[in-house]
Amino acid sequence: NLEPSGPKQSNPQNIGATWPRSLA
């Protein structure tokens, strides 16, 4: 298995970007 064993890293572009996306 070549996947990292830690928590999945999210894209830093999308961190906390749910409300502007929904509003747009």
PDBML (XML) file of the C-alpha atoms, coordinates in Angstrom:
<?xml version="1.0" encoding="UTF-8" ?>
<PDBx:datablock datablockName="MODEL"
   xmlns:PDBx="http://pdbml.pdb.org/schema/pdbx-v50.xsd"
   xmlns:xsi="http://www.w3.org/2001/XMLSchema-instance"
   xsi:schemaLocation="http://pdbml.pdb.org/schema/pdbx-v50.xsd pdbx-v50.xsd">
   <PDBx:atom_siteCategory>
      <PDBx:atom_site id="1">
         <PDBx:B_iso_or_equiv>0.00</PDBx:B_iso_or_equiv>
         <PDBx:Cartn_x>0.000</PDBx:Cartn_x>
         <PDBx:Cartn_y>0.000</PDBx:Cartn_y>
         <PDBx:Cartn_z>0.000</PDBx:Cartn_z>
         <PDBx:auth_asym_id>A</PDBx:auth_asym_id>
         <PDBx:auth_atom_id>CA</PDBx:auth_atom_id>
         <PDBx:auth_comp_id>ASN</PDBx:auth_comp_id>
         <PDBx:auth_seq_id>1</PDBx:auth_seq_id>
         <PDBx:group_PDB>ATOM</PDBx:group_PDB>
         <PDBx:label_alt_id xsi:nil="true" />
         <PDBx:label_asym_id>A</PDBx:label_asym_id>
         <PDBx:label_atom_id>CA</PDBx:label_atom_id>
         <PDBx:label_comp_id>ASN</PDBx:label_comp_id>
         <PDBx:label_entity_id>1</PDBx:label_entity_id>
         <PDBx:label_seq_id>1</PDBx:label_seq_id>
         <PDBx:occupancy>1.00</PDBx:occupancy>
         <PDBx:pdbx_PDB_model_num>1</PDBx:pdbx_PDB_model_num>
         <PDBx:type_symbol>C</PDBx:type_symbol>
      </PDBx:atom_site>
      <PDBx:atom_site id="2">
         <PDBx:B_iso_or_equiv>0.00</PDBx:B_iso_or_equiv>
         <PDBx:Cartn_x>1.531</PDBx:Cartn_x>
         <PDBx:Cartn_y>3.286</PDBx:Cartn_y>
         <PDBx:Cartn_z>-1.130</PDBx:Cartn_z>
         <PDBx:auth_asym_id>A</PDBx:auth_asym_id>
         <PDBx:auth_atom_id>CA</PDBx:auth_atom_id>
         <PDBx:auth_comp_id>LEU</PDBx:auth_comp_id>
         <PDBx:auth_seq_id>2</PDBx:auth_seq_id>
         <PDBx:group_PDB>ATOM</PDBx:group_PDB>
         <PDBx:label_alt_id xsi:nil="true" />
         <PDBx:label_asym_id>A</PDBx:label_asym_id>
         <PDBx:label_atom_id>CA</PDBx:label_atom_id>
         <PDBx:label_comp_id>LEU</PDBx:label_comp_id>
         <PDBx:label_entity_id>1</PDBx:label_entity_id>
         <PDBx:label_seq_id>2</PDBx:label_seq_id>
         <PDBx:occupancy>1.00</PDBx:occupancy>
         <PDBx:pdbx_PDB_model_num>1</PDBx:pdbx_PDB_model_num>
         <PDBx:type_symbol>C</PDBx:type_symbol>
      </PDBx:atom_site>
      <PDBx:atom_site id="3">
         <PDBx:B_iso_or_equiv>0.00</PDBx:B_iso_or_equiv>
         <PDBx:Cartn_x>-1.156</PDBx:Cartn_x>
         <PDBx:Cartn_y>5.498</PDBx:Cartn_y>
         <PDBx:Cartn_z>0.442</PDBx:Cartn_z>
         <PDBx:auth_asym_id>A</PDBx:auth_asym_id>
         <PDBx:auth_atom_id>CA</PDBx:auth_atom_id>
         <PDBx:auth_comp_id>GLU</PDBx:auth_comp_id>
         <PDBx:auth_seq_id>3</PDBx:auth_seq_id>
         <PDBx:group_PDB>ATOM</PDBx:group_PDB>
         <PDBx:label_alt_id xsi:nil="true" />
         <PDBx:label_asym_id>A</PDBx:label_asym_id>
         <PDBx:label_atom_id>CA</PDBx:label_atom_id>
         <PDBx:label_comp_id>GLU</PDBx:label_comp_id>
         <PDBx:label_entity_id>1</PDBx:label_entity_id>
         <PDBx:label_seq_id>3</PDBx:label_seq_id>
         <PDBx:occupancy>1.00</PDBx:occupancy>
         <PDBx:pdbx_PDB_model_num>1</PDBx:pdbx_PDB_model_num>
         <PDBx:type_symbol>C</PDBx:type_symbol>
      </PDBx:atom_site>
      <PDBx:atom_site id="4">
         <PDBx:B_iso_or_equiv>0.00</PDBx:B_iso_or_equiv>
         <PDBx:Cartn_x>-0.108</PDBx:Cartn_x>
         <PDBx:Cartn_y>7.579</PDBx:Cartn_y>
         <PDBx:Cartn_z>3.487</PDBx:Cartn_z>
         <PDBx:auth_asym_id>A</PDBx:auth_asym_id>
         <PDBx:auth_atom_id>CA</PDBx:auth_atom_id>
         <PDBx:auth_comp_id>PRO</PDBx:auth_comp_id>
         <PDBx:auth_seq_id>4</PDBx:auth_seq_id>
         <PDBx:group_PDB>ATOM</PDBx:group_PDB>
         <PDBx:label_alt_id xsi:nil="true" />
         <PDBx:label_asym_id>A</PDBx:label_asym_id>
         <PDBx:label_atom_id>CA</PDBx:label_atom_id>
         <PDBx:label_comp_id>PRO</PDBx:label_comp_id>
         <PDBx:label_entity_id>1</PDBx:label_entity_id>
         <PDBx:label_seq_id>4</PDBx:label_seq_id>
         <PDBx:occupancy>1.00</PDBx:occupancy>
         <PDBx:pdbx_PDB_model_num>1</PDBx:pdbx_PDB_model_num>
         <PDBx:type_symbol>C</PDBx:type_symbol>
      </PDBx:atom_site>
      <PDBx:atom_site id="5">
         <PDBx:B_iso_or_equiv>0.00</PDBx:B_iso_or_equiv>
         <PDBx:Cartn_x>-1.294</PDBx:Cartn_x>
         <PDBx:Cartn_y>6.038</PDBx:Cartn_y>
         <PDBx:Cartn_z>6.724</PDBx:Cartn_z>
         <PDBx:auth_asym_id>A</PDBx:auth_asym_id>
         <PDBx:auth_atom_id>CA</PDBx:auth_atom_id>
         <PDBx:auth_comp_id>SER</PDBx:auth_comp_id>
         <PDBx:auth_seq_id>5</PDBx:auth_seq_id>
         <PDBx:group_PDB>ATOM</PDBx:group_PDB>
         <PDBx:label_alt_id xsi:nil="true" />
         <PDBx:label_asym_id>A</PDBx:label_asym_id>
         <PDBx:label_atom_id>CA</PDBx:label_atom_id>
         <PDBx:label_comp_id>SER</PDBx:label_comp_id>
         <PDBx:label_entity_id>1</PDBx:label_entity_id>
         <PDBx:label_seq_id>5</PDBx:label_seq_id>
         <PDBx:occupancy>1.00</PDBx:occupancy>
         <PDBx:pdbx_PDB_model_num>1</PDBx:pdbx_PDB_model_num>
         <PDBx:type_symbol>C</PDBx:type_symbol>
      </PDBx:atom_site>
      <PDBx:atom_site id="6">
         <PDBx:B_iso_or_equiv>0.00</PDBx:B_iso_or_equiv>
         <PDBx:Cartn_x>-2.245</PDBx:Cartn_x>
         <PDBx:Cartn_y>9.348</PDBx:Cartn_y>
         <PDBx:Cartn_z>8.387</PDBx:Cartn_z>
         <PDBx:auth_asym_id>A</PDBx:auth_asym_id>
         <PDBx:auth_atom_id>CA</PDBx:auth_atom_id>
         <PDBx:auth_comp_id>GLY</PDBx:auth_comp_id>
         <PDBx:auth_seq_id>6</PDBx:auth_seq_id>
         <PDBx:group_PDB>ATOM</PDBx:group_PDB>
         <PDBx:label_alt_id xsi:nil="true" />
         <PDBx:label_asym_id>A</PDBx:label_asym_id>
         <PDBx:label_atom_id>CA</PDBx:label_atom_id>
         <PDBx:label_comp_id>GLY</PDBx:label_comp_id>
         <PDBx:label_entity_id>1</PDBx:label_entity_id>
         <PDBx:label_seq_id>6</PDBx:label_seq_id>
         <PDBx:occupancy>1.00</PDBx:occupancy>
         <PDBx:pdbx_PDB_model_num>1</PDBx:pdbx_PDB_model_num>
         <PDBx:type_symbol>C</PDBx:type_symbol>
      </PDBx:atom_site>
      <PDBx:atom_site id="7">
         <PDBx:B_iso_or_equiv>0.00</PDBx:B_iso_or_equiv>
         <PDBx:Cartn_x>-5.406</PDBx:Cartn_x>
         <PDBx:Cartn_y>11.359</PDBx:Cartn_y>
         <PDBx:Cartn_z>7.898</PDBx:Cartn_z>
         <PDBx:auth_asym_id>A</PDBx:auth_asym_id>
         <PDBx:auth_atom_id>CA</PDBx:auth_atom_id>
         <PDBx:auth_comp_id>PRO</PDBx:auth_comp_id>
         <PDBx:auth_seq_id>7</PDBx:auth_seq_id>
         <PDBx:group_PDB>ATOM</PDBx:group_PDB>
         <PDBx:label_alt_id xsi:nil="true" />
         <PDBx:label_asym_id>A</PDBx:label_asym_id>
         <PDBx:label_atom_id>CA</PDBx:label_atom_id>
         <PDBx:label_comp_id>PRO</PDBx:label_comp_id>
         <PDBx:label_entity_id>1</PDBx:label_entity_id>
         <PDBx:label_seq_id>7</PDBx:label_seq_id>
         <PDBx:occupancy>1.00</PDBx:occupancy>
         <PDBx:pdbx_PDB_model_num>1</PDBx:pdbx_PDB_model_num>
         <PDBx:type_symbol>C</PDBx:type_symbol>
      </PDBx:atom_site>
      <PDBx:atom_site id="8">
         <PDBx:B_iso_or_equiv>0.00</PDBx:B_iso_or_equiv>
         <PDBx:Cartn_x>-6.192</PDBx:Cartn_x>
         <PDBx:Cartn_y>12.399</PDBx:Cartn_y>
         <PDBx:Cartn_z>4.362</PDBx:Cartn_z>
         <PDBx:auth_asym_id>A</PDBx:auth_asym_id>
         <PDBx:auth_atom_id>CA</PDBx:auth_atom_id>
         <PDBx:auth_comp_id>LYS</PDBx:auth_comp_id>
         <PDBx:auth_seq_id>8</PDBx:auth_seq_id>
         <PDBx:group_PDB>ATOM</PDBx:group_PDB>
         <PDBx:label_alt_id xsi:nil="true" />
         <PDBx:label_asym_id>A</PDBx:label_asym_id>
         <PDBx:label_atom_id>CA</PDBx:label_atom_id>
         <PDBx:label_comp_id>LYS</PDBx:label_comp_id>
         <PDBx:label_entity_id>1</PDBx:label_entity_id>
         <PDBx:label_seq_id>8</PDBx:label_seq_id>
         <PDBx:occupancy>1.00</PDBx:occupancy>
         <PDBx:pdbx_PDB_model_num>1</PDBx:pdbx_PDB_model_num>
         <PDBx:type_symbol>C</PDBx:type_symbol>
      </PDBx:atom_site>
      <PDBx:atom_site id="9">
         <PDBx:B_iso_or_equiv>0.00</PDBx:B_iso_or_equiv>
         <PDBx:Cartn_x>-4.820</PDBx:Cartn_x>
         <PDBx:Cartn_y>15.786</PDBx:Cartn_y>
         <PDBx:Cartn_z>3.435</PDBx:Cartn_z>
         <PDBx:auth_asym_id>A</PDBx:auth_asym_id>
         <PDBx:auth_atom_id>CA</PDBx:auth_atom_id>
         <PDBx:auth_comp_id>GLN</PDBx:auth_comp_id>
         <PDBx:auth_seq_id>9</PDBx:auth_seq_id>
         <PDBx:group_PDB>ATOM</PDBx:group_PDB>
         <PDBx:label_alt_id xsi:nil="true" />
         <PDBx:label_asym_id>A</PDBx:label_asym_id>
         <PDBx:label_atom_id>CA</PDBx:label_atom_id>
         <PDBx:label_comp_id>GLN</PDBx:label_comp_id>
         <PDBx:label_entity_id>1</PDBx:label_entity_id>
         <PDBx:label_seq_id>9</PDBx:label_seq_id>
         <PDBx:occupancy>1.00</PDBx:occupancy>
         <PDBx:pdbx_PDB_model_num>1</PDBx:pdbx_PDB_model_num>
         <PDBx:type_symbol>C</PDBx:type_symbol>
      </PDBx:atom_site>
      <PDBx:atom_site id="10">
         <PDBx:B_iso_or_equiv>0.00</PDBx:B_iso_or_equiv>
         <PDBx:Cartn_x>-7.343</PDBx:Cartn_x>
         <PDBx:Cartn_y>18.078</PDBx:Cartn_y>
         <PDBx:Cartn_z>1.831</PDBx:Cartn_z>
         <PDBx:auth_asym_id>A</PDBx:auth_asym_id>
         <PDBx:auth_atom_id>CA</PDBx:auth_atom_id>
         <PDBx:auth_comp_id>SER</PDBx:auth_comp_id>
         <PDBx:auth_seq_id>10</PDBx:auth_seq_id>
         <PDBx:group_PDB>ATOM</PDBx:group_PDB>
         <PDBx:label_alt_id xsi:nil="true" />
         <PDBx:label_asym_id>A</PDBx:label_asym_id>
         <PDBx:label_atom_id>CA</PDBx:label_atom_id>
         <PDBx:label_comp_id>SER</PDBx:label_comp_id>
         <PDBx:label_entity_id>1</PDBx:label_entity_id>
         <PDBx:label_seq_id>10</PDBx:label_seq_id>
         <PDBx:occupancy>1.00</PDBx:occupancy>
         <PDBx:pdbx_PDB_model_num>1</PDBx:pdbx_PDB_model_num>
         <PDBx:type_symbol>C</PDBx:type_symbol>
      </PDBx:atom_site>
      <PDBx:atom_site id="11">
         <PDBx:B_iso_or_equiv>0.00</PDBx:B_iso_or_equiv>
         <PDBx:Cartn_x>-6.557</PDBx:Cartn_x>
         <PDBx:Cartn_y>20.583</PDBx:Cartn_y>
         <PDBx:Cartn_z>-0.849</PDBx:Cartn_z>
         <PDBx:auth_asym_id>A</PDBx:auth_asym_id>
         <PDBx:auth_atom_id>CA</PDBx:auth_atom_id>
         <PDBx:auth_comp_id>ASN</PDBx:auth_comp_id>
         <PDBx:auth_seq_id>11</PDBx:auth_seq_id>
         <PDBx:group_PDB>ATOM</PDBx:group_PDB>
         <PDBx:label_alt_id xsi:nil="true" />
         <PDBx:label_asym_id>A</PDBx:label_asym_id>
         <PDBx:label_atom_id>CA</PDBx:label_atom_id>
         <PDBx:label_comp_id>ASN</PDBx:label_comp_id>
         <PDBx:label_entity_id>1</PDBx:label_entity_id>
         <PDBx:label_seq_id>11</PDBx:label_seq_id>
         <PDBx:occupancy>1.00</PDBx:occupancy>
         <PDBx:pdbx_PDB_model_num>1</PDBx:pdbx_PDB_model_num>
         <PDBx:type_symbol>C</PDBx:type_symbol>
      </PDBx:atom_site>
      <PDBx:atom_site id="12">
         <PDBx:B_iso_or_equiv>0.00</PDBx:B_iso_or_equiv>
         <PDBx:Cartn_x>-5.459</PDBx:Cartn_x>
         <PDBx:Cartn_y>23.832</PDBx:Cartn_y>
         <PDBx:Cartn_z>0.876</PDBx:Cartn_z>
         <PDBx:auth_asym_id>A</PDBx:auth_asym_id>
         <PDBx:auth_atom_id>CA</PDBx:auth_atom_id>
         <PDBx:auth_comp_id>PRO</PDBx:auth_comp_id>
         <PDBx:auth_seq_id>12</PDBx:auth_seq_id>
         <PDBx:group_PDB>ATOM</PDBx:group_PDB>
         <PDBx:label_alt_id xsi:nil="true" />
         <PDBx:label_asym_id>A</PDBx:label_asym_id>
         <PDBx:label_atom_id>CA</PDBx:label_atom_id>
         <PDBx:label_comp_id>PRO</PDBx:label_comp_id>
         <PDBx:label_entity_id>1</PDBx:label_entity_id>
         <PDBx:label_seq_id>12</PDBx:label_seq_id>
         <PDBx:occupancy>1.00</PDBx:occupancy>
         <PDBx:pdbx_PDB_model_num>1</PDBx:pdbx_PDB_model_num>
         <PDBx:type_symbol>C</PDBx:type_symbol>
      </PDBx:atom_site>
      <PDBx:atom_site id="13">
         <PDBx:B_iso_or_equiv>0.00</PDBx:B_iso_or_equiv>
         <PDBx:Cartn_x>-7.391</PDBx:Cartn_x>
         <PDBx:Cartn_y>25.792</PDBx:Cartn_y>
         <PDBx:Cartn_z>-1.778</PDBx:Cartn_z>
         <PDBx:auth_asym_id>A</PDBx:auth_asym_id>
         <PDBx:auth_atom_id>CA</PDBx:auth_atom_id>
         <PDBx:auth_comp_id>GLN</PDBx:auth_comp_id>
         <PDBx:auth_seq_id>13</PDBx:auth_seq_id>
         <PDBx:group_PDB>ATOM</PDBx:group_PDB>
         <PDBx:label_alt_id xsi:nil="true" />
         <PDBx:label_asym_id>A</PDBx:label_asym_id>
         <PDBx:label_atom_id>CA</PDBx:label_atom_id>
         <PDBx:label_comp_id>GLN</PDBx:label_comp_id>
         <PDBx:label_entity_id>1</PDBx:label_entity_id>
         <PDBx:label_seq_id>13</PDBx:label_seq_id>
         <PDBx:occupancy>1.00</PDBx:occupancy>
         <PDBx:pdbx_PDB_model_num>1</PDBx:pdbx_PDB_model_num>
         <PDBx:type_symbol>C</PDBx:type_symbol>
      </PDBx:atom_site>
      <PDBx:atom_site id="14">
         <PDBx:B_iso_or_equiv>0.00</PDBx:B_iso_or_equiv>
         <PDBx:Cartn_x>-10.695</PDBx:Cartn_x>
         <PDBx:Cartn_y>24.441</PDBx:Cartn_y>
         <PDBx:Cartn_z>-0.507</PDBx:Cartn_z>
         <PDBx:auth_asym_id>A</PDBx:auth_asym_id>
         <PDBx:auth_atom_id>CA</PDBx:auth_atom_id>
         <PDBx:auth_comp_id>ASN</PDBx:auth_comp_id>
         <PDBx:auth_seq_id>14</PDBx:auth_seq_id>
         <PDBx:group_PDB>ATOM</PDBx:group_PDB>
         <PDBx:label_alt_id xsi:nil="true" />
         <PDBx:label_asym_id>A</PDBx:label_asym_id>
         <PDBx:label_atom_id>CA</PDBx:label_atom_id>
         <PDBx:label_comp_id>ASN</PDBx:label_comp_id>
         <PDBx:label_entity_id>1</PDBx:label_entity_id>
         <PDBx:label_seq_id>14</PDBx:label_seq_id>
         <PDBx:occupancy>1.00</PDBx:occupancy>
         <PDBx:pdbx_PDB_model_num>1</PDBx:pdbx_PDB_model_num>
         <PDBx:type_symbol>C</PDBx:type_symbol>
      </PDBx:atom_site>
      <PDBx:atom_site id="15">
         <PDBx:B_iso_or_equiv>0.00</PDBx:B_iso_or_equiv>
         <PDBx:Cartn_x>-10.246</PDBx:Cartn_x>
         <PDBx:Cartn_y>24.699</PDBx:Cartn_y>
         <PDBx:Cartn_z>3.268</PDBx:Cartn_z>
         <PDBx:auth_asym_id>A</PDBx:auth_asym_id>
         <PDBx:auth_atom_id>CA</PDBx:auth_atom_id>
         <PDBx:auth_comp_id>ILE</PDBx:auth_comp_id>
         <PDBx:auth_seq_id>15</PDBx:auth_seq_id>
         <PDBx:group_PDB>ATOM</PDBx:group_PDB>
         <PDBx:label_alt_id xsi:nil="true" />
         <PDBx:label_asym_id>A</PDBx:label_asym_id>
         <PDBx:label_atom_id>CA</PDBx:label_atom_id>
         <PDBx:label_comp_id>ILE</PDBx:label_comp_id>
         <PDBx:label_entity_id>1</PDBx:label_entity_id>
         <PDBx:label_seq_id>15</PDBx:label_seq_id>
         <PDBx:occupancy>1.00</PDBx:occupancy>
         <PDBx:pdbx_PDB_model_num>1</PDBx:pdbx_PDB_model_num>
         <PDBx:type_symbol>C</PDBx:type_symbol>
      </PDBx:atom_site>
      <PDBx:atom_site id="16">
         <PDBx:B_iso_or_equiv>0.00</PDBx:B_iso_or_equiv>
         <PDBx:Cartn_x>-13.160</PDBx:Cartn_x>
         <PDBx:Cartn_y>26.665</PDBx:Cartn_y>
         <PDBx:Cartn_z>4.690</PDBx:Cartn_z>
         <PDBx:auth_asym_id>A</PDBx:auth_asym_id>
         <PDBx:auth_atom_id>CA</PDBx:auth_atom_id>
         <PDBx:auth_comp_id>GLY</PDBx:auth_comp_id>
         <PDBx:auth_seq_id>16</PDBx:auth_seq_id>
         <PDBx:group_PDB>ATOM</PDBx:group_PDB>
         <PDBx:label_alt_id xsi:nil="true" />
         <PDBx:label_asym_id>A</PDBx:label_asym_id>
         <PDBx:label_atom_id>CA</PDBx:label_atom_id>
         <PDBx:label_comp_id>GLY</PDBx:label_comp_id>
         <PDBx:label_entity_id>1</PDBx:label_entity_id>
         <PDBx:label_seq_id>16</PDBx:label_seq_id>
         <PDBx:occupancy>1.00</PDBx:occupancy>
         <PDBx:pdbx_PDB_model_num>1</PDBx:pdbx_PDB_model_num>
         <PDBx:type_symbol>C</PDBx:type_symbol>
      </PDBx:atom_site>
      <PDBx:atom_site id="17">
         <PDBx:B_iso_or_equiv>0.00</PDBx:B_iso_or_equiv>
         <PDBx:Cartn_x>-14.477</PDBx:Cartn_x>
         <PDBx:Cartn_y>27.453</PDBx:Cartn_y>
         <PDBx:Cartn_z>1.223</PDBx:Cartn_z>
         <PDBx:auth_asym_id>A</PDBx:auth_asym_id>
         <PDBx:auth_atom_id>CA</PDBx:auth_atom_id>
         <PDBx:auth_comp_id>ALA</PDBx:auth_comp_id>
         <PDBx:auth_seq_id>17</PDBx:auth_seq_id>
         <PDBx:group_PDB>ATOM</PDBx:group_PDB>
         <PDBx:label_alt_id xsi:nil="true" />
         <PDBx:label_asym_id>A</PDBx:label_asym_id>
         <PDBx:label_atom_id>CA</PDBx:label_atom_id>
         <PDBx:label_comp_id>ALA</PDBx:label_comp_id>
         <PDBx:label_entity_id>1</PDBx:label_entity_id>
         <PDBx:label_seq_id>17</PDBx:label_seq_id>
         <PDBx:occupancy>1.00</PDBx:occupancy>
         <PDBx:pdbx_PDB_model_num>1</PDBx:pdbx_PDB_model_num>
         <PDBx:type_symbol>C</PDBx:type_symbol>
      </PDBx:atom_site>
      <PDBx:atom_site id="18">
         <PDBx:B_iso_or_equiv>0.00</PDBx:B_iso_or_equiv>
         <PDBx:Cartn_x>-17.916</PDBx:Cartn_x>
         <PDBx:Cartn_y>25.898</PDBx:Cartn_y>
         <PDBx:Cartn_z>1.467</PDBx:Cartn_z>
         <PDBx:auth_asym_id>A</PDBx:auth_asym_id>
         <PDBx:auth_atom_id>CA</PDBx:auth_atom_id>
         <PDBx:auth_comp_id>THR</PDBx:auth_comp_id>
         <PDBx:auth_seq_id>18</PDBx:auth_seq_id>
         <PDBx:group_PDB>ATOM</PDBx:group_PDB>
         <PDBx:label_alt_id xsi:nil="true" />
         <PDBx:label_asym_id>A</PDBx:label_asym_id>
         <PDBx:label_atom_id>CA</PDBx:label_atom_id>
         <PDBx:label_comp_id>THR</PDBx:label_comp_id>
         <PDBx:label_entity_id>1</PDBx:label_entity_id>
         <PDBx:label_seq_id>18</PDBx:label_seq_id>
         <PDBx:occupancy>1.00</PDBx:occupancy>
         <PDBx:pdbx_PDB_model_num>1</PDBx:pdbx_PDB_model_num>
         <PDBx:type_symbol>C</PDBx:type_symbol>
      </PDBx:atom_site>
      <PDBx:atom_site id="19">
         <PDBx:B_iso_or_equiv>0.00</PDBx:B_iso_or_equiv>
         <PDBx:Cartn_x>-19.969</PDBx:Cartn_x>
         <PDBx:Cartn_y>28.994</PDBx:Cartn_y>
         <PDBx:Cartn_z>2.269</PDBx:Cartn_z>
         <PDBx:auth_asym_id>A</PDBx:auth_asym_id>
         <PDBx:auth_atom_id>CA</PDBx:auth_atom_id>
         <PDBx:auth_comp_id>TRP</PDBx:auth_comp_id>
         <PDBx:auth_seq_id>19</PDBx:auth_seq_id>
         <PDBx:group_PDB>ATOM</PDBx:group_PDB>
         <PDBx:label_alt_id xsi:nil="true" />
         <PDBx:label_asym_id>A</PDBx:label_asym_id>
         <PDBx:label_atom_id>CA</PDBx:label_atom_id>
         <PDBx:label_comp_id>TRP</PDBx:label_comp_id>
         <PDBx:label_entity_id>1</PDBx:label_entity_id>
         <PDBx:label_seq_id>19</PDBx:label_seq_id>
         <PDBx:occupancy>1.00</PDBx:occupancy>
         <PDBx:pdbx_PDB_model_num>1</PDBx:pdbx_PDB_model_num>
         <PDBx:type_symbol>C</PDBx:type_symbol>
      </PDBx:atom_site>
      <PDBx:atom_site id="20">
         <PDBx:B_iso_or_equiv>0.00</PDBx:B_iso_or_equiv>
         <PDBx:Cartn_x>-18.504</PDBx:Cartn_x>
         <PDBx:Cartn_y>31.228</PDBx:Cartn_y>
         <PDBx:Cartn_z>-0.492</PDBx:Cartn_z>
         <PDBx:auth_asym_id>A</PDBx:auth_asym_id>
         <PDBx:auth_atom_id>CA</PDBx:auth_atom_id>
         <PDBx:auth_comp_id>PRO</PDBx:auth_comp_id>
         <PDBx:auth_seq_id>20</PDBx:auth_seq_id>
         <PDBx:group_PDB>ATOM</PDBx:group_PDB>
         <PDBx:label_alt_id xsi:nil="true" />
         <PDBx:label_asym_id>A</PDBx:label_asym_id>
         <PDBx:label_atom_id>CA</PDBx:label_atom_id>
         <PDBx:label_comp_id>PRO</PDBx:label_comp_id>
         <PDBx:label_entity_id>1</PDBx:label_entity_id>
         <PDBx:label_seq_id>20</PDBx:label_seq_id>
         <PDBx:occupancy>1.00</PDBx:occupancy>
         <PDBx:pdbx_PDB_model_num>1</PDBx:pdbx_PDB_model_num>
         <PDBx:type_symbol>C</PDBx:type_symbol>
      </PDBx:atom_site>
      <PDBx:atom_site id="21">
         <PDBx:B_iso_or_equiv>0.00</PDBx:B_iso_or_equiv>
         <PDBx:Cartn_x>-19.039</PDBx:Cartn_x>
         <PDBx:Cartn_y>28.397</PDBx:Cartn_y>
         <PDBx:Cartn_z>-2.963</PDBx:Cartn_z>
         <PDBx:auth_asym_id>A</PDBx:auth_asym_id>
         <PDBx:auth_atom_id>CA</PDBx:auth_atom_id>
         <PDBx:auth_comp_id>ARG</PDBx:auth_comp_id>
         <PDBx:auth_seq_id>21</PDBx:auth_seq_id>
         <PDBx:group_PDB>ATOM</PDBx:group_PDB>
         <PDBx:label_alt_id xsi:nil="true" />
         <PDBx:label_asym_id>A</PDBx:label_asym_id>
         <PDBx:label_atom_id>CA</PDBx:label_atom_id>
         <PDBx:label_comp_id>ARG</PDBx:label_comp_id>
         <PDBx:label_entity_id>1</PDBx:label_entity_id>
         <PDBx:label_seq_id>21</PDBx:label_seq_id>
         <PDBx:occupancy>1.00</PDBx:occupancy>
         <PDBx:pdbx_PDB_model_num>1</PDBx:pdbx_PDB_model_num>
         <PDBx:type_symbol>C</PDBx:type_symbol>
      </PDBx:atom_site>
      <PDBx:atom_site id="22">
         <PDBx:B_iso_or_equiv>0.00</PDBx:B_iso_or_equiv>
         <PDBx:Cartn_x>-22.631</PDBx:Cartn_x>
         <PDBx:Cartn_y>27.862</PDBx:Cartn_y>
         <PDBx:Cartn_z>-1.905</PDBx:Cartn_z>
         <PDBx:auth_asym_id>A</PDBx:auth_asym_id>
         <PDBx:auth_atom_id>CA</PDBx:auth_atom_id>
         <PDBx:auth_comp_id>SER</PDBx:auth_comp_id>
         <PDBx:auth_seq_id>22</PDBx:auth_seq_id>
         <PDBx:group_PDB>ATOM</PDBx:group_PDB>
         <PDBx:label_alt_id xsi:nil="true" />
         <PDBx:label_asym_id>A</PDBx:label_asym_id>
         <PDBx:label_atom_id>CA</PDBx:label_atom_id>
         <PDBx:label_comp_id>SER</PDBx:label_comp_id>
         <PDBx:label_entity_id>1</PDBx:label_entity_id>
         <PDBx:label_seq_id>22</PDBx:label_seq_id>
         <PDBx:occupancy>1.00</PDBx:occupancy>
         <PDBx:pdbx_PDB_model_num>1</PDBx:pdbx_PDB_model_num>
         <PDBx:type_symbol>C</PDBx:type_symbol>
      </PDBx:atom_site>
      <PDBx:atom_site id="23">
         <PDBx:B_iso_or_equiv>0.00</PDBx:B_iso_or_equiv>
         <PDBx:Cartn_x>-23.352</PDBx:Cartn_x>
         <PDBx:Cartn_y>31.576</PDBx:Cartn_y>
         <PDBx:Cartn_z>-1.924</PDBx:Cartn_z>
         <PDBx:auth_asym_id>A</PDBx:auth_asym_id>
         <PDBx:auth_atom_id>CA</PDBx:auth_atom_id>
         <PDBx:auth_comp_id>LEU</PDBx:auth_comp_id>
         <PDBx:auth_seq_id>23</PDBx:auth_seq_id>
         <PDBx:group_PDB>ATOM</PDBx:group_PDB>
         <PDBx:label_alt_id xsi:nil="true" />
         <PDBx:label_asym_id>A</PDBx:label_asym_id>
         <PDBx:label_atom_id>CA</PDBx:label_atom_id>
         <PDBx:label_comp_id>LEU</PDBx:label_comp_id>
         <PDBx:label_entity_id>1</PDBx:label_entity_id>
         <PDBx:label_seq_id>23</PDBx:label_seq_id>
         <PDBx:occupancy>1.00</PDBx:occupancy>
         <PDBx:pdbx_PDB_model_num>1</PDBx:pdbx_PDB_model_num>
         <PDBx:type_symbol>C</PDBx:type_symbol>
      </PDBx:atom_site>
      <PDBx:atom_site id="24">
         <PDBx:B_iso_or_equiv>0.00</PDBx:B_iso_or_equiv>
         <PDBx:Cartn_x>-21.768</PDBx:Cartn_x>
         <PDBx:Cartn_y>32.010</PDBx:Cartn_y>
         <PDBx:Cartn_z>-5.370</PDBx:Cartn_z>
         <PDBx:auth_asym_id>A</PDBx:auth_asym_id>
         <PDBx:auth_atom_id>CA</PDBx:auth_atom_id>
         <PDBx:auth_comp_id>ALA</PDBx:auth_comp_id>
         <PDBx:auth_seq_id>24</PDBx:auth_seq_id>
         <PDBx:group_PDB>ATOM</PDBx:group_PDB>
         <PDBx:label_alt_id xsi:nil="true" />
         <PDBx:label_asym_id>A</PDBx:label_asym_id>
         <PDBx:label_atom_id>CA</PDBx:label_atom_id>
         <PDBx:label_comp_id>ALA</PDBx:label_comp_id>
         <PDBx:label_entity_id>1</PDBx:label_entity_id>
         <PDBx:label_seq_id>24</PDBx:label_seq_id>
         <PDBx:occupancy>1.00</PDBx:occupancy>
         <PDBx:pdbx_PDB_model_num>1</PDBx:pdbx_PDB_model_num>
         <PDBx:type_symbol>C</PDBx:type_symbol>
      </PDBx:atom_site>
   </PDBx:atom_siteCategory>
</PDBx:datablock>
